[in-house]
Amino acid sequence: WVAAGFAAGVAATAVGAAVAVYATGPGAAVIAAAPVALASPKEKDYCASPDYRSTTLKTAVDATVFGLLHDNLEQYKFEASGVVLQDNGFYVVCDSSWAIPVFHDLSTSGAFKATAVQTGNPNDAWKNEALARNFLVMPDDPESFPKGVDSQWEAITYSTSREHFIAVQESILFPNGEYHAVLSDIIINGTKWSHVRSCRSEFPFDSDNKGFEGALAIHGVNGEAYILGLCEGNHCDFGKRGREKGNGKLVLMQRELGTGPENVFRQGQFTELSDDPCVYKTIGVYDLPSSADFLDYSDIARRGDKIAFTSQESSALYVADMVLENGLVNPATFKVQEGTTYRFRPDDDCDIVYCNVEAIDFVTDRLLVGASDQMKGHGKQPFQCLEKDQSMHVFVMPDEISPHKGPQRRRWAWGRGSGRSLVRGAVPWLLHGLQLWGAPAAGARGVRALLPCWYRDFAVLVSRRESRMSGGMLAYQAEFVPVQQYVLVMVKCEWCEKK
């Protein structure tokens, strides 16, 4: 797998080959929307730009939600609005349903592989051991969260301190005439989810269709459990002002529990039962860089000190550094620094085809998982938007990001013979490439195992083949074993950085 000259090949293969992507790693009243005017890359002669390659996300996977699910449980709309990578799966919320799609394999069309041949012989049914890789998680209380009532969920994140998922309703109308988001703690157990607690945001909105579109659980310097909410509209507003590009906002919030009985849902409607209910207090409101000149903002993701957020209407992604203190938020100093805009790949006419990307999360330093909402009907979006709607995506960035500030990590340092080190620095893109495509198992014929080391959530076993390659270089291969299945005991790793 790893030999002299192979490094350049992996980079080309990573963006050029067919990919099987698996989840890995440590997501009411109806108001008619105004017609959507897509911000076509043509406006800036984007496709003719010499920077096209370095600012465009390449597609590794496109797969419809319908095709990925073995059983859709009579759910017929999947208006994906948020995704989070957690517990080796992609957890997706849809604003049209209380059902939560979970995907462990984005390369399997489970619905079609499970189709039986109607011959009367059960042995003719397709045998597929991976049927449980993709499934729907349903509420364990269908009376409170009934089918047919839109969830209005627009974001999902995971709180490691609470060990709960947090799903966010972007903005709902309260009895006093105000609009606020509602953040709900939920526990997912197998194919059921249960409601724990729901609290409104203190931060107000001016309508029920322009609230929080993204959410990110993040810890503070003093152990606080914060939520960063991403406003959909510029200035956290709607209408003409909400479309004034380059005025995105993040809202930092912390929950206060209040007193009295817990809030509940009745027939899908949020209801406060206390005069002193729990609330997500506003800690601070922060500007996004003006260079992120998007018409709207649709989701948020984090990897180390990096933050990424998407725009549905601008069909773009922005990646930047956050000002943190050892990975933690200090509200007094937190900010998002200037970053880089990447476009989702347009079609051959340079027209937008990723018209409705509403969900994003990091998979690796170079790969992102995304999800798209349903195409807007009645002529509000052009016909080409149908191709990607209600789908899961995996995107490849032009280059890997460095999750932490400072100089980029060094690449491979090749050595000859057993007396030299194989790796002198972390090699994220190559390691993640092997992680996705798999590597031959150590111990194969002609292979001698070397010392293991940690890399992210894996024990990495690097082995050396006995035969020599051209130029006198030895060939190496890497095997990735999840840390849950591998315990490193009394081994000193001298040739790689421990993670």
Protein backbone atom coordinates (compact mmCIF):
# COMPACT_ATOMS: atom_id res chain seq x y z
CA TRP A 1 0.00 0.00 0.00
CA VAL A 2 2.70 2.49 0.89
CA ALA A 3 5.83 2.63 -1.27
CA ALA A 4 8.14 5.14 -2.94
CA GLY A 5 6.18 7.45 -5.19
CA PHE A 6 2.79 6.25 -3.89
CA ALA A 7 1.99 9.42 -1.96
CA ALA A 8 1.20 11.43 -5.08
CA GLY A 9 -0.92 8.58 -6.41
CA VAL A 10 -3.12 8.48 -3.35
CA ALA A 11 -4.02 12.13 -3.73
CA ALA A 12 -5.08 11.54 -7.32
CA THR A 13 -6.92 8.33 -6.46
CA ALA A 14 -8.74 9.97 -3.56
CA VAL A 15 -10.56 12.32 -5.88
CA GLY A 16 -10.72 10.23 -9.03
CA ALA A 17 -11.79 6.70 -8.11
CA ALA A 18 -15.15 5.24 -7.20
CA VAL A 19 -15.39 5.29 -3.43
CA ALA A 20 -17.12 3.15 -0.83
CA VAL A 21 -17.53 5.46 2.14
CA TYR A 22 -18.30 4.20 5.62
CA ALA A 23 -18.94 6.26 8.72
CA THR A 24 -15.81 6.40 10.82
CA GLY A 25 -14.46 8.69 13.54
CA PRO A 26 -14.50 9.57 17.02
CA GLY A 27 -25.19 16.25 11.99
CA ALA A 28 -47.25 23.88 12.42
CA ALA A 29 -48.10 26.64 10.26
CA VAL A 30 -46.72 26.66 6.74
CA ILE A 31 -45.54 29.92 5.22
CA ALA A 32 -45.02 30.07 1.46
CA ALA A 33 -41.40 30.82 0.66
CA ALA A 34 -40.41 33.54 -1.74
CA PRO A 35 -38.93 32.41 -5.08
CA VAL A 36 -35.29 31.43 -4.72
CA ALA A 37 -32.76 33.18 -6.94
CA LEU A 38 -29.70 30.96 -7.02
CA ALA A 39 -26.33 32.68 -6.90
CA SER A 40 -24.83 31.07 -9.99
CA PRO A 41 -21.03 30.78 -10.13
CA LYS A 42 -21.33 32.29 -13.60
CA GLU A 43 -21.76 35.71 -12.01
CA LYS A 44 -18.03 35.85 -11.33
CA ASP A 45 -16.88 33.70 -14.25
CA TYR A 46 -16.13 31.19 -11.54
CA CYS A 47 -15.62 28.16 -13.78
CA ALA A 48 -13.04 29.99 -15.93
CA SER A 49 -11.04 31.06 -12.91
CA PRO A 50 -7.47 29.70 -12.59
CA ASP A 51 -8.37 29.00 -8.94
CA TYR A 52 -11.23 26.68 -9.89
CA ARG A 53 -9.50 23.49 -8.74
CA SER A 54 -8.29 24.94 -5.43
CA THR A 55 -11.70 26.36 -4.51
CA THR A 56 -14.06 23.61 -5.65
CA LEU A 57 -15.30 20.60 -3.67
CA LYS A 58 -15.20 17.37 -5.64
CA THR A 59 -18.01 14.87 -5.15
CA ALA A 60 -17.02 11.42 -3.87
CA VAL A 61 -20.54 10.11 -3.19
CA ASP A 62 -24.10 11.09 -4.05
CA ALA A 63 -26.83 8.76 -2.79
CA THR A 64 -30.54 9.35 -2.30
CA VAL A 65 -31.93 8.74 1.17
CA PHE A 66 -34.60 6.49 -0.35
CA GLY A 67 -31.96 4.31 -1.99
CA LEU A 68 -29.88 3.99 1.18
CA LEU A 69 -32.66 2.82 3.50
CA HIS A 70 -33.69 -0.80 3.72
CA ASP A 71 -37.10 0.14 5.11
CA ASN A 72 -38.51 3.67 4.92
CA LEU A 73 -41.29 2.82 7.43
CA GLU A 74 -43.82 4.59 5.22
CA GLN A 75 -41.89 7.84 5.38
CA TYR A 76 -42.06 9.52 1.97
CA LYS A 77 -40.22 12.82 2.48
CA PHE A 78 -36.65 13.22 3.69
CA GLU A 79 -36.04 16.96 3.79
CA ALA A 80 -32.58 16.59 5.31
CA SER A 81 -31.58 19.61 7.36
CA GLY A 82 -28.75 18.54 9.69
CA VAL A 83 -26.13 15.81 10.07
CA VAL A 84 -23.64 14.80 12.75
CA LEU A 85 -21.03 12.06 12.76
CA GLN A 86 -21.27 10.14 16.03
CA ASP A 87 -20.78 6.55 17.20
CA ASN A 88 -19.54 5.50 13.76
CA GLY A 89 -22.72 6.66 12.05
CA PHE A 90 -24.15 9.67 10.25
CA TYR A 91 -27.25 10.88 12.14
CA VAL A 92 -29.57 13.04 10.05
CA VAL A 93 -32.57 15.17 11.01
CA CYS A 94 -35.29 16.18 8.58
CA ASP A 95 -37.58 19.16 9.08
CA SER A 96 -40.44 17.16 7.56
CA SER A 97 -40.41 14.23 10.00
CA TRP A 98 -39.67 13.04 13.52
CA ALA A 99 -37.83 10.04 12.00
CA ILE A 100 -34.02 10.19 12.17
CA PRO A 101 -32.17 8.41 9.34
CA VAL A 102 -28.91 6.78 10.47
CA PHE A 103 -26.31 5.71 7.93
CA HIS A 104 -23.27 3.54 8.50
CA ASP A 105 -22.70 2.90 4.81
CA LEU A 106 -23.26 5.49 2.10
CA SER A 107 -22.33 3.09 -0.69
CA THR A 108 -25.09 0.50 -0.19
CA SER A 109 -28.49 0.86 -1.83
CA GLY A 110 -30.11 -1.19 0.88
CA ALA A 111 -33.68 -0.83 -0.40
CA PHE A 112 -32.86 -2.55 -3.68
CA LYS A 113 -30.56 -5.21 -2.27
CA ALA A 114 -33.37 -6.25 0.07
CA THR A 115 -35.87 -6.72 -2.75
CA ALA A 116 -37.08 -10.31 -2.99
CA VAL A 117 -37.62 -12.08 -6.28
CA GLN A 118 -41.31 -12.96 -6.35
CA THR A 119 -41.04 -16.67 -7.12
CA GLY A 120 -42.66 -17.98 -3.96
CA ASN A 121 -39.32 -19.34 -2.79
CA PRO A 122 -37.94 -17.38 0.19
CA ASN A 123 -34.46 -18.59 -0.71
CA ASP A 124 -34.63 -16.35 -3.77
CA ALA A 125 -34.52 -13.22 -1.61
CA TRP A 126 -31.31 -11.22 -1.74
CA LYS A 127 -28.97 -12.21 1.10
CA ASN A 128 -27.43 -9.11 2.58
CA GLU A 129 -25.67 -9.14 5.93
CA ALA A 130 -25.51 -5.33 5.94
CA LEU A 131 -29.25 -4.62 6.11
CA ALA A 132 -28.92 -3.02 9.53
CA ARG A 133 -26.24 -0.57 8.43
CA ASN A 134 -28.80 2.06 7.44
CA PHE A 135 -32.11 2.51 9.23
CA LEU A 136 -34.66 4.95 10.61
CA VAL A 137 -34.87 5.86 14.30
CA MET A 138 -38.46 6.53 15.34
CA PRO A 139 -39.81 8.32 18.45
CA ASP A 140 -40.73 5.99 21.30
CA ASP A 141 -43.72 8.27 22.04
CA PRO A 142 -45.65 8.57 18.75
CA GLU A 143 -48.51 10.35 20.50
CA SER A 144 -46.30 13.29 21.44
CA PHE A 145 -44.40 13.19 18.14
CA PRO A 146 -46.98 11.97 15.62
CA LYS A 147 -46.43 11.06 12.01
CA GLY A 148 -47.80 13.74 9.72
CA VAL A 149 -46.63 16.66 11.88
CA ASP A 150 -43.44 18.31 10.65
CA SER A 151 -40.63 18.27 13.20
CA GLN A 152 -39.21 21.64 12.05
CA TRP A 153 -35.82 20.27 13.07
CA GLU A 154 -33.12 22.21 11.27
CA ALA A 155 -29.98 21.11 13.12
CA ILE A 156 -28.48 18.29 15.16
CA THR A 157 -25.36 18.13 17.31
CA TYR A 158 -24.00 15.86 20.03
CA SER A 159 -23.13 16.93 23.56
CA THR A 160 -20.31 14.83 24.98
CA SER A 161 -20.91 16.26 28.45
CA ARG A 162 -24.57 15.22 28.50
CA GLU A 163 -24.12 12.20 26.21
CA HIS A 164 -27.26 13.32 24.38
CA PHE A 165 -28.05 14.41 20.86
CA ILE A 166 -29.52 17.90 20.63
CA ALA A 167 -32.04 18.57 17.86
CA VAL A 168 -33.03 22.15 17.09
CA GLN A 169 -36.34 23.58 15.86
CA GLU A 170 -35.25 26.73 14.08
CA SER A 171 -37.99 29.11 15.27
CA ILE A 172 -41.53 28.65 16.52
CA LEU A 173 -44.26 31.08 17.53
CA PHE A 174 -44.93 31.35 21.28
CA PRO A 175 -48.22 32.47 22.91
CA ASN A 176 -46.77 35.93 23.64
CA GLY A 177 -46.24 36.51 19.92
CA GLU A 178 -42.47 36.04 20.01
CA TYR A 179 -40.43 33.59 17.95
CA HIS A 180 -37.72 31.45 19.54
CA ALA A 181 -35.78 28.32 18.67
CA VAL A 182 -36.37 25.14 20.68
CA LEU A 183 -33.46 22.87 21.57
CA SER A 184 -34.33 19.28 22.53
CA ASP A 185 -32.11 16.72 24.26
CA ILE A 186 -32.84 13.26 22.89
CA ILE A 187 -31.37 9.82 23.57
CA ILE A 188 -31.08 7.34 20.71
CA ASN A 189 -31.21 3.67 21.63
CA GLY A 190 -31.22 1.32 18.68
CA THR A 191 -34.12 2.17 16.40
CA LYS A 192 -35.95 4.37 18.94
CA TRP A 193 -35.29 7.82 20.34
CA SER A 194 -36.67 9.27 23.56
CA HIS A 195 -37.23 12.86 24.58
CA VAL A 196 -35.30 14.10 27.63
CA ARG A 197 -35.77 17.86 27.86
CA SER A 198 -36.63 20.78 25.59
CA CYS A 199 -35.91 24.46 26.20
CA ARG A 200 -36.44 27.57 24.12
CA SER A 201 -33.69 29.99 23.22
CA GLU A 202 -33.62 33.40 24.85
CA PHE A 203 -32.48 34.80 21.51
CA PRO A 204 -35.55 36.05 19.55
CA PHE A 205 -36.35 35.85 15.84
CA ASP A 206 -38.81 37.75 13.68
CA SER A 207 -40.37 34.82 11.80
CA ASP A 208 -40.78 31.06 12.00
CA ASN A 209 -38.77 30.29 8.85
CA LYS A 210 -35.55 32.19 9.56
CA GLY A 211 -34.07 30.97 12.85
CA PHE A 212 -31.18 28.66 13.75
CA GLU A 213 -30.13 26.47 10.82
CA GLY A 214 -27.05 24.95 12.44
CA ALA A 215 -25.95 24.05 15.96
CA LEU A 216 -22.67 22.99 17.51
CA ALA A 217 -22.08 21.72 21.05
CA ILE A 218 -18.80 23.13 22.38
CA HIS A 219 -17.19 23.43 25.80
CA GLY A 220 -16.07 26.55 27.64
CA VAL A 221 -12.80 27.28 29.43
CA ASN A 222 -14.46 26.78 32.81
CA GLY A 223 -16.24 23.56 31.91
CA GLU A 224 -19.40 25.19 30.56
CA ALA A 225 -21.53 23.30 28.05
CA TYR A 226 -22.30 25.81 25.31
CA ILE A 227 -24.27 25.64 22.09
CA LEU A 228 -23.29 27.71 19.07
CA GLY A 229 -26.34 28.53 16.98
CA LEU A 230 -25.93 29.52 13.32
CA CYS A 231 -28.54 32.01 12.10
CA GLU A 232 -30.00 31.25 8.68
CA GLY A 233 -30.44 34.85 7.64
CA ASN A 234 -27.86 37.61 7.52
CA HIS A 235 -28.09 39.84 10.62
CA CYS A 236 -30.15 36.91 12.09
CA ASP A 237 -33.02 38.52 10.17
CA PHE A 238 -35.34 37.66 7.30
CA GLY A 239 -36.62 39.44 4.21
CA LYS A 240 -34.43 41.89 2.33
CA ARG A 241 -32.13 42.54 5.29
CA GLY A 242 -31.64 38.83 5.81
CA ARG A 243 -30.20 38.60 2.29
CA GLU A 244 -27.54 41.30 2.75
CA LYS A 245 -24.56 39.07 2.06
CA GLY A 246 -21.57 38.91 4.38
CA ASN A 247 -23.47 39.53 7.63
CA GLY A 248 -23.68 36.03 9.12
CA LYS A 249 -24.02 35.57 12.88
CA LEU A 250 -23.27 32.95 15.52
CA VAL A 251 -25.09 32.96 18.86
CA LEU A 252 -23.38 31.40 21.90
CA MET A 253 -25.86 29.97 24.42
CA GLN A 254 -25.84 28.21 27.78
CA ARG A 255 -28.79 26.39 29.30
CA GLU A 256 -30.43 27.44 32.58
CA LEU A 257 -32.80 24.79 33.93
CA GLY A 258 -35.42 26.98 35.62
CA THR A 259 -37.97 25.55 38.07
CA GLY A 260 -41.24 23.68 37.92
CA PRO A 261 -42.38 20.89 35.61
CA GLU A 262 -40.53 19.99 32.44
CA ASN A 263 -41.71 21.24 29.07
CA VAL A 264 -43.53 18.71 26.89
CA PHE A 265 -44.69 18.09 23.34
CA ARG A 266 -48.39 17.57 22.70
CA GLN A 267 -49.28 16.27 19.26
CA GLY A 268 -45.99 17.59 17.99
CA GLN A 269 -46.39 21.06 19.51
CA PHE A 270 -43.91 22.38 22.08
CA THR A 271 -45.63 23.39 25.34
CA GLU A 272 -44.14 25.12 28.39
CA LEU A 273 -45.70 24.05 31.70
CA SER A 274 -43.80 26.31 34.08
CA ASP A 275 -43.78 30.05 34.77
CA ASP A 276 -40.00 29.70 35.10
CA PRO A 277 -39.07 27.31 32.28
CA CYS A 278 -35.60 26.28 31.23
CA VAL A 279 -34.03 28.56 28.66
CA TYR A 280 -30.85 28.80 26.60
CA LYS A 281 -29.43 32.13 27.73
CA THR A 282 -27.56 34.23 25.19
CA ILE A 283 -23.89 34.52 26.18
CA GLY A 284 -22.70 36.37 23.09
CA VAL A 285 -23.40 37.13 19.44
CA TYR A 286 -20.45 36.95 17.03
CA ASP A 287 -19.97 38.11 13.46
CA LEU A 288 -18.89 35.71 10.76
CA PRO A 289 -16.21 37.10 8.43
CA SER A 290 -17.62 39.42 5.79
CA SER A 291 -15.70 37.43 3.17
CA ALA A 292 -18.30 34.71 3.73
CA ASP A 293 -20.63 36.71 1.50
CA PHE A 294 -23.48 34.20 1.43
CA LEU A 295 -27.17 34.77 0.84
CA ASP A 296 -27.98 32.41 3.69
CA TYR A 297 -26.32 29.95 6.09
CA SER A 298 -27.46 26.35 6.44
CA ASP A 299 -25.25 24.29 8.80
CA ILE A 300 -22.12 24.31 10.91
CA ALA A 301 -19.36 21.79 11.64
CA ARG A 302 -16.15 21.64 13.63
CA ARG A 303 -12.85 19.81 13.39
CA GLY A 304 -10.28 20.84 15.99
CA ASP A 305 -9.90 24.60 15.83
CA LYS A 306 -11.51 24.71 12.38
CA ILE A 307 -15.12 25.67 11.79
CA ALA A 308 -17.06 25.17 8.57
CA PHE A 309 -20.47 26.41 7.55
CA THR A 310 -22.51 26.00 4.41
CA SER A 311 -24.87 28.12 2.36
CA GLN A 312 -27.83 26.58 0.59
CA GLU A 313 -28.56 29.43 -1.80
CA SER A 314 -24.93 30.31 -2.51
CA SER A 315 -24.06 26.59 -2.88
CA ALA A 316 -20.81 27.07 -0.99
CA LEU A 317 -18.77 26.13 2.08
CA TYR A 318 -16.62 28.41 4.23
CA VAL A 319 -13.75 27.06 6.37
CA ALA A 320 -11.92 29.18 8.94
CA ASP A 321 -10.07 29.07 12.25
CA MET A 322 -11.80 29.79 15.52
CA VAL A 323 -10.06 31.68 18.30
CA LEU A 324 -10.15 29.14 21.14
CA GLU A 325 -8.11 28.48 24.26
CA ASN A 326 -6.81 24.92 24.12
CA GLY A 327 -9.87 23.94 22.14
CA LEU A 328 -12.29 25.64 24.55
CA VAL A 329 -14.46 28.73 24.18
CA ASN A 330 -13.75 31.90 26.11
CA PRO A 331 -16.75 34.13 25.37
CA ALA A 332 -14.62 37.25 25.83
CA THR A 333 -12.11 36.30 23.12
CA PHE A 334 -13.97 33.91 20.83
CA LYS A 335 -14.15 34.85 17.16
CA VAL A 336 -14.12 33.32 13.70
CA GLN A 337 -11.13 34.45 11.66
CA GLU A 338 -10.92 35.06 7.93
CA GLY A 339 -11.11 31.82 5.98
CA THR A 340 -11.60 30.27 2.56
CA THR A 341 -14.73 29.84 0.43
CA TYR A 342 -15.21 26.58 -1.46
CA ARG A 343 -17.94 25.97 -4.04
CA PHE A 344 -19.89 22.79 -4.49
CA ARG A 345 -19.15 21.53 -7.97
CA PRO A 346 -21.45 23.05 -10.63
CA ASP A 347 -22.59 21.26 -13.79
CA ASP A 348 -20.94 21.42 -17.19
CA ASP A 349 -22.68 24.73 -17.91
CA CYS A 350 -21.38 26.16 -14.63
CA ASP A 351 -24.90 26.17 -13.16
CA ILE A 352 -25.53 25.23 -9.55
CA VAL A 353 -26.74 21.66 -9.01
CA TYR A 354 -26.20 21.40 -5.24
CA CYS A 355 -29.10 23.78 -4.66
CA ASN A 356 -30.23 22.62 -1.22
CA VAL A 357 -27.24 21.56 0.91
CA GLU A 358 -28.55 22.04 4.44
CA ALA A 359 -26.29 19.70 6.40
CA ILE A 360 -22.53 19.30 6.78
CA ASP A 361 -20.01 17.61 9.07
CA PHE A 362 -16.38 16.61 8.87
CA VAL A 363 -15.45 12.98 8.26
CA THR A 364 -11.68 13.49 8.03
CA ASP A 365 -9.31 16.40 7.48
CA ARG A 366 -10.24 16.28 3.81
CA LEU A 367 -13.67 14.65 3.56
CA LEU A 368 -17.04 16.11 4.54
CA VAL A 369 -20.45 14.47 4.69
CA GLY A 370 -23.41 16.53 3.53
CA ALA A 371 -27.15 16.19 3.06
CA SER A 372 -29.65 18.01 0.88
CA ASP A 373 -33.19 19.18 1.48
CA GLN A 374 -36.04 18.67 -0.95
CA MET A 375 -36.05 20.80 -4.09
CA LYS A 376 -38.44 23.73 -3.91
CA GLY A 377 -41.39 23.25 -6.25
CA HIS A 378 -43.76 25.50 -8.21
CA GLY A 379 -40.95 27.01 -10.26
CA LYS A 380 -39.04 28.37 -7.29
CA GLN A 381 -35.90 26.48 -8.31
CA PRO A 382 -34.60 25.43 -11.74
CA PHE A 383 -35.07 21.85 -12.92
CA GLN A 384 -31.45 20.76 -12.37
CA CYS A 385 -31.93 21.09 -8.59
CA LEU A 386 -33.95 17.86 -8.55
CA GLU A 387 -30.88 15.70 -9.20
CA LYS A 388 -29.33 16.18 -5.74
CA ASP A 389 -32.42 16.72 -3.57
CA GLN A 390 -33.14 14.50 -0.52
CA SER A 391 -29.69 12.94 -0.81
CA MET A 392 -26.54 12.22 1.16
CA HIS A 393 -23.19 13.42 -0.18
CA VAL A 394 -19.50 13.05 0.54
CA PHE A 395 -17.27 15.88 -0.65
CA VAL A 396 -13.50 15.97 -1.10
CA MET A 397 -11.71 19.21 -0.29
CA PRO A 398 -8.94 20.31 -2.68
CA ASP A 399 -6.42 19.92 0.14
CA GLU A 400 -6.57 18.68 3.68
CA ILE A 401 -7.17 21.15 6.45
CA SER A 402 -4.96 21.39 9.48
CA PRO A 403 -7.40 20.94 12.40
CA HIS A 404 -5.11 22.91 14.71
CA LYS A 405 -3.38 26.21 14.21
CA GLY A 406 0.29 26.47 13.47
CA PRO A 407 2.41 24.96 10.71
CA GLN A 408 1.05 22.14 8.58
CA ARG A 409 2.02 18.70 9.79
CA ARG A 410 4.91 17.10 7.97
CA ARG A 411 4.44 14.49 5.29
CA TRP A 412 6.01 11.05 4.99
CA ALA A 413 9.70 10.76 5.81
CA TRP A 414 10.96 7.66 4.02
CA GLY A 415 13.72 5.50 5.50
CA ARG A 416 15.86 2.62 4.31
CA GLY A 417 16.26 -0.53 6.38
CA SER A 418 15.03 -1.34 9.84
CA GLY A 419 17.18 1.24 11.55
CA ARG A 420 15.31 4.24 10.14
CA SER A 421 11.96 5.72 11.12
CA LEU A 422 9.03 5.30 8.77
CA VAL A 423 6.92 8.20 9.98
CA ARG A 424 8.26 11.41 11.49
CA GLY A 425 4.98 13.33 11.46
CA ALA A 426 1.26 12.70 11.28
CA VAL A 427 0.00 12.01 7.76
CA PRO A 428 -3.75 12.72 7.91
CA TRP A 429 -4.76 12.51 4.27
CA LEU A 430 -2.85 9.32 3.54
CA LEU A 431 -3.93 7.61 6.76
CA HIS A 432 -7.54 8.55 6.15
CA GLY A 433 -7.28 7.33 2.57
CA LEU A 434 -6.20 3.92 3.78
CA GLN A 435 -8.87 4.04 6.44
CA LEU A 436 -11.56 4.44 3.78
CA TRP A 437 -10.33 1.93 1.24
CA GLY A 438 -8.89 -0.56 3.74
CA ALA A 439 -5.38 -1.96 3.93
CA PRO A 440 -4.13 -5.56 3.80
CA ALA A 441 -3.94 -7.20 7.19
CA ALA A 442 -0.57 -7.29 8.89
CA GLY A 443 0.82 -10.78 9.08
CA ALA A 444 0.29 -11.61 5.41
CA ARG A 445 2.96 -13.58 3.61
CA GLY A 446 6.24 -11.71 3.40
CA VAL A 447 5.13 -9.11 5.96
CA ARG A 448 6.84 -8.40 9.27
CA ALA A 449 4.96 -6.31 11.83
CA LEU A 450 6.49 -3.16 13.25
CA LEU A 451 5.49 -1.25 16.36
CA PRO A 452 1.89 0.05 16.58
CA CYS A 453 0.89 3.58 17.49
CA TRP A 454 -2.30 5.58 18.04
CA TYR A 455 -3.86 7.74 15.34
CA ARG A 456 -7.16 9.41 16.26
CA ASP A 457 -9.61 6.58 17.06
CA PHE A 458 -7.44 3.83 15.64
CA ALA A 459 -4.45 1.74 16.56
CA VAL A 460 -2.24 1.84 13.47
CA LEU A 461 -0.22 -1.27 12.75
CA VAL A 462 2.41 -0.54 10.13
CA SER A 463 4.18 -3.51 8.56
CA ARG A 464 7.18 -3.83 6.25
CA ARG A 465 7.45 -6.21 3.33
CA GLU A 466 10.69 -8.13 2.98
CA SER A 467 11.03 -7.64 -0.77
CA ARG A 468 12.72 -4.47 -1.98
CA MET A 469 11.12 -2.01 -4.34
CA SER A 470 12.76 -0.02 -7.10
CA GLY A 471 15.37 2.40 -5.91
CA GLY A 472 16.12 0.26 -2.89
CA MET A 473 13.04 1.46 -1.00
CA LEU A 474 11.08 -0.87 1.22
CA ALA A 475 7.30 -1.12 0.89
CA TYR A 476 5.08 -0.59 3.90
CA GLN A 477 1.42 -1.21 4.62
CA ALA A 478 -0.89 0.04 7.37
CA GLU A 479 -3.72 -1.74 9.14
CA PHE A 480 -6.26 0.28 11.11
CA VAL A 481 -7.87 -1.31 14.16
CA PRO A 482 -10.56 0.56 16.16
CA VAL A 483 -9.30 1.32 19.64
CA GLN A 484 -12.27 -0.53 21.09
CA GLN A 485 -10.81 -3.73 19.62
CA TYR A 486 -7.17 -3.12 20.36
CA VAL A 487 -5.44 -2.47 23.66
CA LEU A 488 -1.90 -1.16 23.54
CA VAL A 489 0.05 -2.56 26.49
CA MET A 490 3.62 -1.66 27.42
CA VAL A 491 4.63 -0.57 23.93
CA LYS A 492 6.75 2.49 23.41
CA CYS A 493 6.13 4.15 20.06
CA GLU A 494 9.22 6.04 18.99
CA TRP A 495 8.49 6.62 15.31
CA CYS A 496 5.15 8.40 15.20
CA GLU A 497 3.27 11.07 17.08
CA LYS A 498 0.83 9.69 19.60
CA LYS A 499 -2.71 11.03 19.18
